Protein backbone atom coordinates (compact mmCIF):
# COMPACT_ATOMS: atom_id res chain seq x y z
CA MET A 1 -192.28 143.10 113.61
CA GLU A 2 -192.14 139.30 113.52
CA ASP A 3 -188.71 137.69 113.08
CA LEU A 4 -190.11 134.63 111.27
CA THR A 5 -192.84 134.20 108.68
CA LEU A 6 -195.41 131.44 109.14
CA PHE A 7 -193.74 129.38 106.43
CA GLU A 8 -190.29 129.74 108.01
CA THR A 9 -191.74 128.88 111.41
CA ILE A 10 -193.32 125.66 110.14
CA VAL A 11 -190.24 124.54 108.18
CA ILE A 12 -187.85 125.09 111.11
CA ALA A 13 -190.28 123.35 113.50
CA ILE A 14 -190.53 120.35 111.13
CA VAL A 15 -186.73 120.14 111.01
CA GLU A 16 -186.59 120.29 114.82
CA GLY A 17 -189.23 117.61 115.26
CA LEU A 18 -187.61 115.30 112.69
CA THR A 19 -184.04 115.58 113.93
CA GLU A 20 -184.18 116.14 117.70
CA PHE A 21 -184.51 112.45 118.61
CA LEU A 22 -182.66 110.99 115.63
CA PRO A 23 -178.86 110.62 115.90
CA VAL A 24 -178.26 113.14 113.10
CA SER A 25 -177.69 116.45 114.96
CA SER A 26 -180.61 118.87 115.03
CA THR A 27 -178.06 121.72 115.22
CA GLY A 28 -176.57 120.81 111.86
CA HIS A 29 -180.00 120.66 110.27
CA MET A 30 -180.98 124.01 111.78
CA ILE A 31 -177.96 125.53 110.04
CA ILE A 32 -179.05 124.09 106.70
CA ALA A 33 -182.70 125.09 107.20
CA GLN A 34 -181.87 128.68 108.16
CA SER A 35 -179.41 128.97 105.29
CA LEU A 36 -181.84 127.68 102.65
CA LEU A 37 -184.63 129.90 104.00
CA GLY A 38 -182.36 132.92 104.29
CA VAL A 39 -183.43 133.48 107.91
CA GLU A 40 -181.40 136.05 109.81
CA SER A 41 -179.90 134.61 113.00
CA THR A 42 -181.43 137.13 115.41
CA PRO A 43 -181.52 136.63 119.21
CA PHE A 44 -185.17 135.56 118.90
CA VAL A 45 -184.48 133.05 116.12
CA LYS A 46 -181.71 131.51 118.23
CA ALA A 47 -184.10 131.34 121.19
CA PHE A 48 -186.90 130.00 118.97
CA THR A 49 -184.85 126.97 117.88
CA VAL A 50 -184.42 126.07 121.56
CA ILE A 51 -187.88 126.97 122.85
CA ILE A 52 -189.68 124.77 120.29
CA GLN A 53 -187.86 121.83 121.85
CA PHE A 54 -190.66 122.00 124.43
CA GLY A 55 -193.07 120.64 121.82
CA ALA A 56 -190.67 117.77 121.14
CA ILE A 57 -190.45 117.10 124.89
CA LEU A 58 -194.22 116.77 125.12
CA SER A 59 -194.19 114.20 122.32
CA VAL A 60 -192.01 111.90 124.45
CA VAL A 61 -194.22 112.36 127.51
CA CYS A 62 -197.34 111.73 125.41
CA LEU A 63 -195.96 108.64 123.69
CA TYR A 64 -194.61 107.09 126.90
CA TRP A 65 -197.07 108.58 129.40
CA LYS A 66 -197.70 105.24 131.12
CA ARG A 67 -194.01 104.99 132.01
CA PHE A 68 -193.66 108.66 132.89
CA PHE A 69 -196.53 108.73 135.34
CA ARG A 70 -196.10 105.44 137.11
CA LEU A 71 -194.36 104.69 140.38
CA ASN A 72 -192.24 101.61 140.92
CA ARG A 73 -194.66 98.93 142.10
CA ARG A 74 -192.07 96.23 142.62
CA PRO A 75 -191.68 95.09 146.25
CA ALA A 76 -189.02 97.10 148.06
CA PRO A 77 -185.92 95.25 149.30
CA GLU A 78 -186.14 94.05 152.88
CA GLY A 79 -185.21 96.78 155.32
CA CYS A 80 -185.80 99.52 152.75
CA ARG A 81 -187.15 102.54 154.63
CA GLY A 82 -187.07 106.31 154.66
CA VAL A 83 -185.14 107.90 151.80
CA ARG A 84 -184.25 104.53 150.30
CA LEU A 85 -187.93 103.57 150.14
CA LEU A 86 -188.76 106.93 148.56
CA LEU A 87 -186.07 106.45 145.92
CA HIS A 88 -187.36 102.94 145.27
CA ARG A 89 -190.89 104.24 144.67
CA PHE A 90 -189.65 107.06 142.41
CA ASP A 91 -187.01 104.87 140.80
CA PHE A 92 -187.69 106.06 137.23
CA TYR A 93 -187.42 109.76 138.09
CA TRP A 94 -184.40 109.21 140.35
CA LYS A 95 -182.43 107.53 137.57
CA LEU A 96 -183.34 110.30 135.13
CA LEU A 97 -182.08 112.84 137.67
CA VAL A 98 -178.83 110.90 138.14
CA ALA A 99 -178.34 110.82 134.36
CA PHE A 100 -179.19 114.52 134.04
CA ILE A 101 -176.75 115.78 136.69
CA PRO A 102 -173.49 115.48 134.64
CA ALA A 103 -174.85 117.61 131.79
CA ALA A 104 -176.32 120.14 134.23
CA VAL A 105 -172.99 120.55 136.04
CA PHE A 106 -170.91 120.52 132.86
CA GLY A 107 -173.23 123.01 131.16
CA PHE A 108 -173.13 125.38 134.14
CA LEU A 109 -169.33 125.31 134.40
CA PHE A 110 -168.56 125.62 130.69
CA SER A 111 -171.57 127.52 129.31
CA ASP A 112 -169.41 130.28 127.78
CA ARG A 113 -167.16 127.82 125.93
CA ILE A 114 -170.18 125.85 124.73
CA ASP A 115 -171.80 129.04 123.40
CA ALA A 116 -168.54 129.89 121.61
CA MET A 117 -168.48 126.48 119.92
CA LEU A 118 -172.10 126.94 118.88
CA GLU A 119 -170.98 129.88 116.77
CA SER A 120 -168.68 127.62 114.73
CA VAL A 121 -170.46 126.01 111.80
CA ALA A 122 -167.19 124.28 110.89
CA VAL A 123 -167.19 122.42 114.22
CA VAL A 124 -170.74 121.23 113.56
CA ALA A 125 -169.82 119.98 110.08
CA VAL A 126 -166.69 118.14 111.22
CA MET A 127 -168.48 116.47 114.13
CA LEU A 128 -171.31 115.39 111.83
CA VAL A 129 -168.79 113.56 109.65
CA VAL A 130 -166.80 112.13 112.58
CA GLY A 131 -169.99 110.95 114.29
CA GLY A 132 -171.24 109.52 111.01
CA VAL A 133 -168.09 107.47 110.52
CA PHE A 134 -168.44 106.14 114.06
CA MET A 135 -172.07 105.17 113.45
CA LEU A 136 -171.05 103.08 110.45
CA PHE A 137 -169.33 100.74 112.89
CA THR A 138 -171.72 101.08 115.85
CA ASP A 139 -173.72 97.95 114.96
CA ARG A 140 -170.50 95.93 114.66
CA ILE A 141 -169.13 97.25 117.96
CA PHE A 142 -172.32 96.36 119.81
CA LYS A 143 -173.38 93.41 117.64
CA ASN A 144 -174.11 91.18 120.65
CA GLN A 145 -176.59 93.64 122.13
CA ALA A 146 -179.20 94.07 119.40
CA SER A 147 -181.88 92.49 121.61
CA HIS A 148 -180.02 92.23 124.92
CA ARG A 149 -182.14 93.36 127.87
CA THR A 150 -180.31 95.03 130.77
CA GLU A 151 -181.78 97.03 133.64
CA VAL A 152 -180.82 100.70 133.89
CA THR A 153 -179.14 100.99 137.30
CA GLU A 154 -178.02 104.22 138.97
CA LYS A 155 -174.44 103.60 137.84
CA ARG A 156 -175.50 102.94 134.24
CA ALA A 157 -177.73 106.03 134.28
CA PHE A 158 -174.84 108.20 135.48
CA CYS A 159 -172.53 106.81 132.78
CA ILE A 160 -175.13 107.57 130.11
CA GLY A 161 -175.30 111.06 131.56
CA LEU A 162 -171.54 111.42 131.10
CA PHE A 163 -171.93 110.45 127.45
CA GLN A 164 -174.59 113.13 127.10
CA CYS A 165 -171.95 115.73 128.00
CA ILE A 166 -170.14 114.89 124.76
CA ALA A 167 -173.19 116.17 122.89
CA MET A 168 -172.42 119.70 124.11
CA ILE A 169 -169.97 119.76 121.20
CA PRO A 170 -172.23 121.02 118.38
CA GLY A 171 -172.83 118.42 115.70
CA VAL A 172 -172.32 115.39 117.92
CA SER A 173 -176.07 114.88 118.51
CA ARG A 174 -177.47 114.40 122.01
CA SER A 175 -179.46 111.43 120.78
CA MET A 176 -176.40 109.71 119.29
CA ALA A 177 -174.27 110.30 122.39
CA THR A 178 -176.84 108.95 124.84
CA ILE A 179 -177.83 105.98 122.67
CA VAL A 180 -174.17 104.97 122.29
CA GLY A 181 -173.74 105.54 126.03
CA GLY A 182 -176.68 103.26 126.72
CA MET A 183 -175.35 100.53 124.45
CA ALA A 184 -171.93 100.89 126.08
CA GLN A 185 -173.77 100.04 129.32
CA ARG A 186 -175.08 96.86 127.67
CA LEU A 187 -178.58 98.14 126.85
CA SER A 188 -180.27 96.94 123.66
CA ARG A 189 -180.75 99.33 120.75
CA LYS A 190 -184.41 99.81 121.66
CA ASP A 191 -183.81 100.30 125.39
CA ALA A 192 -180.89 102.66 124.78
CA ALA A 193 -182.98 104.73 122.36
CA GLU A 194 -185.94 104.91 124.73
CA PHE A 195 -183.79 105.94 127.70
CA SER A 196 -182.27 108.60 125.42
CA PHE A 197 -185.79 109.92 124.79
CA PHE A 198 -186.61 109.92 128.50
CA LEU A 199 -183.39 111.73 129.38
CA ALA A 200 -184.18 114.36 126.75
CA VAL A 201 -187.17 115.55 128.82
CA PRO A 202 -185.29 117.07 131.81
CA THR A 203 -182.32 118.05 129.64
CA MET A 204 -184.28 119.86 126.96
CA PHE A 205 -186.73 121.34 129.45
CA ALA A 206 -183.82 122.87 131.37
CA ALA A 207 -182.33 124.27 128.13
CA THR A 208 -185.70 125.71 127.09
CA ALA A 209 -186.37 127.27 130.50
CA TYR A 210 -182.86 128.76 130.59
CA LYS A 211 -183.28 130.31 127.14
CA VAL A 212 -186.68 131.83 128.03
CA VAL A 213 -185.40 133.27 131.33
CA LYS A 214 -182.28 134.63 129.62
CA LEU A 215 -184.39 136.29 126.93
CA PHE A 216 -186.60 137.89 129.59
CA MET A 217 -183.59 139.16 131.54
CA GLU A 218 -182.17 140.71 128.38
CA GLY A 219 -185.38 142.65 127.82
CA GLY A 220 -186.92 140.25 125.34
CA THR A 221 -190.47 140.43 126.72
CA GLU A 222 -191.70 142.51 123.80
CA VAL A 223 -189.91 140.26 121.30
CA LEU A 224 -191.62 137.19 122.75
CA ARG A 225 -194.99 138.96 122.68
CA GLN A 226 -194.56 139.98 119.04
CA ASN A 227 -193.57 136.43 118.06
CA LEU A 228 -196.05 134.56 120.25
CA THR A 229 -197.82 133.05 117.22
CA ALA A 230 -194.53 131.67 115.91
CA LEU A 231 -193.75 130.08 119.28
CA VAL A 232 -197.17 128.43 119.56
CA VAL A 233 -197.18 127.16 115.95
CA GLY A 234 -193.55 126.04 116.23
CA ASN A 235 -194.20 123.99 119.37
CA VAL A 236 -197.34 122.37 117.96
CA VAL A 237 -195.62 121.40 114.71
CA ALA A 238 -192.51 120.15 116.55
CA PHE A 239 -194.76 118.05 118.82
CA VAL A 240 -196.61 116.31 115.98
CA VAL A 241 -193.52 115.71 113.84
CA ALA A 242 -191.40 114.48 116.77
CA LEU A 243 -194.16 112.03 117.70
CA LEU A 244 -194.00 110.48 114.24
CA ALA A 245 -190.20 110.60 114.14
CA ILE A 246 -189.85 108.70 117.43
CA LYS A 247 -192.18 105.93 116.26
CA PHE A 248 -190.28 105.63 113.00
CA PHE A 249 -186.86 105.65 114.66
CA ILE A 250 -187.63 102.93 117.22
CA ALA A 251 -189.00 100.62 114.52
CA PHE A 252 -186.16 101.36 112.08
CA VAL A 253 -183.20 101.13 114.45
CA THR A 254 -184.51 97.95 116.08
CA LYS A 255 -184.67 96.25 112.69
CA TYR A 256 -181.86 97.83 110.67
CA GLY A 257 -179.41 99.44 113.11
CA PHE A 258 -177.51 102.72 112.74
CA LYS A 259 -175.51 102.47 109.50
CA ALA A 260 -178.04 104.44 107.42
CA PHE A 261 -177.87 107.31 109.90
CA GLY A 262 -174.09 107.20 109.73
CA TRP A 263 -174.06 107.67 105.95
CA TYR A 264 -176.69 110.39 106.23
CA ARG A 265 -174.61 112.33 108.78
CA ILE A 266 -171.54 112.12 106.52
CA VAL A 267 -173.49 113.47 103.53
CA VAL A 268 -174.91 116.38 105.55
CA GLY A 269 -171.53 117.19 107.12
CA VAL A 270 -169.74 117.13 103.78
CA TRP A 271 -172.46 119.33 102.25
CA ILE A 272 -171.93 121.96 104.97
CA ILE A 273 -168.15 121.80 104.53
CA VAL A 274 -168.48 122.26 100.75
CA MET A 275 -170.78 125.27 101.29
CA LEU A 276 -168.25 126.82 103.67
CA LEU A 277 -165.40 126.26 101.19
CA LEU A 278 -167.48 127.93 98.49
CA GLY A 279 -167.80 130.97 100.72
CA LYS A 280 -171.45 130.44 101.65
CA ASP A 281 -172.40 132.41 104.76
CA LEU A 282 -174.07 129.75 106.91
CA MET A 283 -175.72 131.00 110.08
CA LEU A 284 -176.36 129.43 113.46
C-alpha cells in the first residue's frame, strides 16, 4: 500500500523545490504541507521528504554545470607541486569539501539530539520567527556588500561551513545560515547565495544517502519498492520547481535583498504557533 497519493506526492515535492534553496526553512513548510494534506508522518514519508532533495540537488548541478565540471585553469603559484598542485586544480571541489566538513562532523556527533529537535514543531516555529526578525536587518548589517566581490578562500569556506551547522536547528534554514555566513565573510549577496547552492550539493546528497541506507537497514526495502513511483515523481517535480526557484531567488535577492523573506518567515512561524496554541496536531 502506498503511503502517499499522487496528489500528495506532487504537492510535497513542489513545497520542497520552492523552499529548499530559499531562506525560509523547508522543514517549516513541510510541516504546513503535511498538516493541510492530512498526511500521516510514517517512516517512509519522513524519508521521502529527505530523498526528494536529490532532485533539488540535480537542479543546482544542471543550472551551474559549467562551474561544477570545470577544473581551475588559473596558473598555479610558483613551486606548487604534488598535493598542492592537485588541490589547485580541484580548487572548487576542495573548498566545497572544506565547507562541508563541519556539518558532517557535527551531524555525526550530535545526530540523536538533532533528530530529537526535529520532532519539535514548536522549535521550528520559534526559529522561523527568530530567523525572520534577523533577516529584516540583514541588508542593513551587510549594506556595504550588496555588490562586493570577494574570493572564497579555504578559510572563508570553512567559516561558511560552521554557519551551516546552525541550520541543524530545525527552522533556521540551511540556505539562510550559509548565505549569512557567506556575507559575514564579505561575499556579495549573489556570491553568497550561489556558494550556498553549491554547498547544498554534498550536504543534501549525504543526508539523502544516509536516509536511504538507514531505511534499507531497518527493513524498508519493500516500502521503497511499493512507493517507487512516488519517489520518482517527487524527485522530478522537486528538480523542475527548484530550478525555477533558484533563478527567481538570485534575481530577487540581488535586486531587493532579504527583508521580504524575513517578513514571510515571521508570518509562517506565527501561523504555526497559533495552530499549536489552538491544539492543532501538526506533524513532522
